[in-house]
Amino acid sequence: MAKKEVYMAQIVRRIIESLCSQVSWQSLCKGTDLGSHHTVAEYVDVLESSFIRSCIYRLDKNKGVPVFEKDKKIHFQDPFIFHVLRGWAFSLPFYEKSLEFLSNPQDYAKVVESVVCNHLIRLAFNLSPSSDYEYVNKITYWESKLKREVDFAVEFDSTFLPIEAKCQADFKRGDLLGLYGFMKTGSSLKGIMITKNRLKTERDIVFIPHYLFLTLI
């Protein structure tokens, strides 16, 4: 089925508005002229086949597998493509609005989280290269019954590395509850907190600046 540019722009806008948040096909459908969440999924699949976006699913920690029926998170694979598509979808001047977007700490952190996702996908492949590699089985996110979340859970031989991408300078205990909750469930390595500029270890969590983390992987 041929895709209409106007519908694609609406989908891109909805993805950007919900960037780094849990979404469903139904929630992405709201605010668009598309009448079916199945059609929304088809448009998002086009973005993936064009190497524009990645989609990660919630981890079932007990089974060690992603749950495809639950809400997912959609990330852009490249920040340049993100800013270009944002300018196109919202009819904004690309360069000026990209600078404005990145000047907001919360928006900057969202872009960093997407870049981290892309790096983790490539890291997981490089560690276990395979012709049938599927990143959705290796890179997931996690949420506890108490709604405490971990941005990424990277699978290494049935063991998981929890990673939280905050990209901020200061932290409160509440910022660490997701990582601690994940590690308490077992079958996990020590956690990583990606920061703006802090480098240290605290109990079982490594704090590392985003630029250094991305360089390492």
Protein backbone atom coordinates (compact mmCIF):
# COMPACT_ATOMS: atom_id res chain seq x y z
CA MET A 1 0.00 0.00 0.00
CA ALA A 2 1.38 3.41 -0.99
CA LYS A 3 2.01 5.75 1.92
CA LYS A 4 0.75 9.32 1.93
CA GLU A 5 3.20 12.06 2.88
CA VAL A 6 0.63 13.94 4.96
CA TYR A 7 -0.05 10.84 7.07
CA MET A 8 3.64 10.16 7.52
CA ALA A 9 4.15 13.72 8.76
CA GLN A 10 1.37 13.22 11.30
CA ILE A 11 2.95 9.98 12.53
CA VAL A 12 6.38 11.60 12.81
CA ARG A 13 4.87 14.43 14.86
CA ARG A 14 3.21 11.97 17.23
CA ILE A 15 6.44 9.99 17.65
CA ILE A 16 8.39 13.17 18.43
CA GLU A 17 5.74 14.30 20.92
CA SER A 18 6.02 10.96 22.75
CA LEU A 19 9.78 10.50 22.34
CA CYS A 20 11.29 8.28 25.08
CA SER A 21 7.83 7.62 26.56
CA GLN A 22 5.82 4.42 26.51
CA VAL A 23 3.33 4.40 23.65
CA SER A 24 0.90 2.07 21.94
CA TRP A 25 -0.24 2.06 18.34
CA GLN A 26 -3.60 3.30 19.61
CA SER A 27 -2.08 6.29 21.40
CA LEU A 28 -0.01 7.20 18.33
CA CYS A 29 -3.20 7.12 16.26
CA LYS A 30 -4.74 9.91 18.36
CA GLY A 31 -4.32 13.33 16.80
CA THR A 32 -3.90 11.92 13.29
CA ASP A 33 -6.27 11.40 10.39
CA LEU A 34 -5.53 7.68 10.34
CA GLY A 35 -8.52 5.62 11.33
CA SER A 36 -6.76 2.43 12.40
CA HIS A 37 -3.89 1.68 14.76
CA HIS A 38 -2.94 -1.12 12.35
CA THR A 39 -2.29 1.52 9.69
CA VAL A 40 -0.21 3.48 12.18
CA ALA A 41 1.93 0.38 12.77
CA GLU A 42 2.46 0.05 9.01
CA TYR A 43 3.72 3.62 8.75
CA VAL A 44 6.06 3.15 11.72
CA ASP A 45 7.37 -0.04 10.09
CA VAL A 46 8.25 2.01 7.00
CA LEU A 47 10.37 4.26 9.22
CA GLU A 48 12.19 1.23 10.60
CA SER A 49 12.84 -0.31 7.18
CA SER A 50 14.27 3.09 6.19
CA PHE A 51 16.68 2.91 9.17
CA ILE A 52 15.08 5.97 10.75
CA ARG A 53 13.64 4.62 13.99
CA SER A 54 14.12 1.80 16.49
CA CYS A 55 11.46 0.28 18.69
CA ILE A 56 12.14 -1.37 22.04
CA TYR A 57 9.67 -3.39 24.05
CA ARG A 58 9.05 -4.02 27.72
CA LEU A 59 11.03 -6.85 29.29
CA ASP A 60 9.31 -9.72 31.06
CA LYS A 61 12.06 -10.27 33.63
CA ASN A 62 10.73 -13.67 34.73
CA LYS A 63 10.80 -15.07 31.20
CA GLY A 64 13.72 -12.99 29.94
CA VAL A 65 11.90 -11.97 26.77
CA PRO A 66 10.24 -8.82 25.39
CA VAL A 67 6.47 -8.49 25.64
CA PHE A 68 5.24 -7.27 22.27
CA GLU A 69 1.67 -6.70 23.44
CA LYS A 70 2.73 -4.05 25.97
CA ASP A 71 3.55 -0.42 25.22
CA LYS A 72 6.79 0.20 23.40
CA LYS A 73 9.33 3.03 23.13
CA ILE A 74 10.29 4.53 19.79
CA HIS A 75 13.70 6.11 19.25
CA PHE A 76 15.27 7.87 16.27
CA GLN A 77 18.49 6.21 15.15
CA ASP A 78 20.32 9.40 14.19
CA PRO A 79 20.04 12.91 15.72
CA PHE A 80 20.58 14.60 12.34
CA ILE A 81 17.66 12.68 10.82
CA PHE A 82 15.60 13.48 13.91
CA HIS A 83 16.08 17.23 13.51
CA VAL A 84 15.45 17.12 9.76
CA LEU A 85 12.22 15.15 10.19
CA ARG A 86 11.12 17.40 13.04
CA GLY A 87 11.59 20.47 10.85
CA TRP A 88 9.73 18.80 7.99
CA ALA A 89 6.84 17.42 10.07
CA PHE A 90 6.22 20.64 12.02
CA SER A 91 7.14 23.03 9.15
CA LEU A 92 9.97 24.58 11.17
CA PRO A 93 13.34 26.04 10.12
CA PHE A 94 15.59 23.02 10.64
CA TYR A 95 18.80 24.50 11.97
CA GLU A 96 17.44 27.25 14.20
CA LYS A 97 14.85 24.99 15.80
CA SER A 98 17.39 22.21 16.36
CA LEU A 99 19.51 24.62 18.42
CA GLU A 100 16.44 25.72 20.33
CA PHE A 101 15.42 22.12 20.98
CA LEU A 102 18.85 21.15 22.29
CA SER A 103 19.00 24.19 24.57
CA ASN A 104 16.23 22.64 26.66
CA PRO A 105 17.86 20.13 29.09
CA GLN A 106 14.88 17.75 29.00
CA ASP A 107 14.76 17.69 25.21
CA TYR A 108 18.54 17.31 25.02
CA ALA A 109 18.28 14.29 27.31
CA LYS A 110 15.71 12.71 24.99
CA VAL A 111 18.06 12.98 22.02
CA VAL A 112 20.87 11.47 24.09
CA GLU A 113 18.64 8.57 25.12
CA SER A 114 17.87 7.81 21.47
CA VAL A 115 21.57 7.93 20.57
CA VAL A 116 22.32 5.59 23.48
CA CYS A 117 19.67 3.19 22.18
CA ASN A 118 21.30 3.13 18.74
CA HIS A 119 24.74 2.50 20.23
CA LEU A 120 23.43 -0.33 22.41
CA ILE A 121 21.80 -2.01 19.43
CA ARG A 122 25.12 -2.02 17.57
CA LEU A 123 27.02 -3.10 20.69
CA ALA A 124 24.75 -6.11 21.20
CA PHE A 125 25.31 -7.15 17.59
CA ASN A 126 29.09 -6.72 17.76
CA LEU A 127 29.25 -8.87 20.90
CA SER A 128 27.19 -11.65 19.32
CA PRO A 129 27.19 -11.17 15.53
CA SER A 130 24.63 -13.29 13.75
CA SER A 131 22.86 -13.31 10.39
CA ASP A 132 19.51 -13.59 12.17
CA TYR A 133 20.24 -10.88 14.77
CA GLU A 134 17.10 -9.19 16.12
CA TYR A 135 17.83 -6.28 18.41
CA VAL A 136 14.33 -6.38 19.96
CA ASN A 137 15.37 -9.59 21.74
CA LYS A 138 18.54 -7.99 23.12
CA ILE A 139 17.56 -4.41 23.97
CA THR A 140 14.42 -3.80 26.03
CA TYR A 141 13.14 -1.49 28.73
CA TRP A 142 11.73 -2.52 32.10
CA GLU A 143 9.01 -1.35 34.44
CA SER A 144 8.21 -2.70 37.90
CA LYS A 145 4.79 -3.17 39.45
CA LEU A 146 5.47 0.09 41.28
CA LYS A 147 5.96 1.85 37.90
CA ARG A 148 9.69 2.23 38.47
CA GLU A 149 11.37 2.18 35.10
CA VAL A 150 14.74 1.38 33.59
CA ASP A 151 15.41 2.88 30.16
CA PHE A 152 17.38 -0.08 28.81
CA ALA A 153 17.96 -3.70 29.78
CA VAL A 154 20.71 -5.23 27.64
CA GLU A 155 20.76 -9.04 27.51
CA PHE A 156 24.08 -10.88 27.77
CA ASP A 157 23.66 -14.69 27.87
CA SER A 158 20.49 -14.58 30.01
CA THR A 159 21.98 -11.88 32.25
CA PHE A 160 20.82 -8.28 31.98
CA LEU A 161 22.65 -4.99 32.28
CA PRO A 162 20.26 -2.21 33.39
CA ILE A 163 21.03 1.26 32.03
CA GLU A 164 19.32 4.52 32.90
CA ALA A 165 19.95 7.58 30.71
CA LYS A 166 19.27 10.68 32.80
CA CYS A 167 21.92 13.03 31.37
CA GLN A 168 21.71 15.32 34.38
CA ALA A 169 24.30 16.57 36.86
CA ASP A 170 22.59 15.94 40.21
CA PHE A 171 20.66 12.92 41.41
CA LYS A 172 18.23 12.11 44.17
CA ARG A 173 17.55 8.67 45.58
CA GLY A 174 14.31 8.53 43.62
CA ASP A 175 16.28 8.70 40.38
CA LEU A 176 17.99 5.42 41.28
CA LEU A 177 14.97 3.39 42.37
CA GLY A 178 14.44 1.86 38.94
CA LEU A 179 18.01 0.54 38.77
CA TYR A 180 17.92 -0.77 42.33
CA GLY A 181 14.54 -2.38 41.76
CA PHE A 182 15.80 -4.11 38.63
CA MET A 183 18.93 -5.43 40.30
CA LYS A 184 16.93 -6.81 43.23
CA THR A 185 14.98 -9.07 40.87
CA GLY A 186 18.16 -11.07 40.17
CA SER A 187 19.87 -12.16 36.92
CA SER A 188 21.37 -8.73 36.44
CA LEU A 189 24.76 -7.08 36.33
CA LYS A 190 25.58 -3.85 38.13
CA GLY A 191 23.63 -0.86 36.89
CA ILE A 192 24.80 2.09 34.79
CA MET A 193 23.53 5.64 35.19
CA ILE A 194 24.34 7.85 32.20
CA THR A 195 24.90 11.40 33.41
CA LYS A 196 25.67 14.85 32.10
CA ASN A 197 29.18 15.04 33.53
CA ARG A 198 29.42 12.91 36.69
CA LEU A 199 31.89 10.02 36.82
CA LYS A 200 31.88 7.85 39.96
CA THR A 201 30.69 4.57 41.47
CA GLU A 202 28.10 4.32 44.22
CA ARG A 203 27.24 0.91 45.65
CA ASP A 204 26.43 -1.21 42.59
CA ILE A 205 25.85 1.67 40.18
CA VAL A 206 28.40 3.25 37.85
CA PHE A 207 27.78 6.91 36.98
CA ILE A 208 29.31 7.85 33.65
CA PRO A 209 29.02 10.97 31.44
CA HIS A 210 27.07 10.42 28.25
CA TYR A 211 29.91 11.49 25.97
CA LEU A 212 32.30 9.02 27.63
CA PHE A 213 29.76 6.19 27.58
CA LEU A 214 29.10 6.66 23.86
CA THR A 215 32.82 6.74 23.16
CA LEU A 216 33.33 3.44 24.99
CA ILE A 217 30.68 1.57 23.04
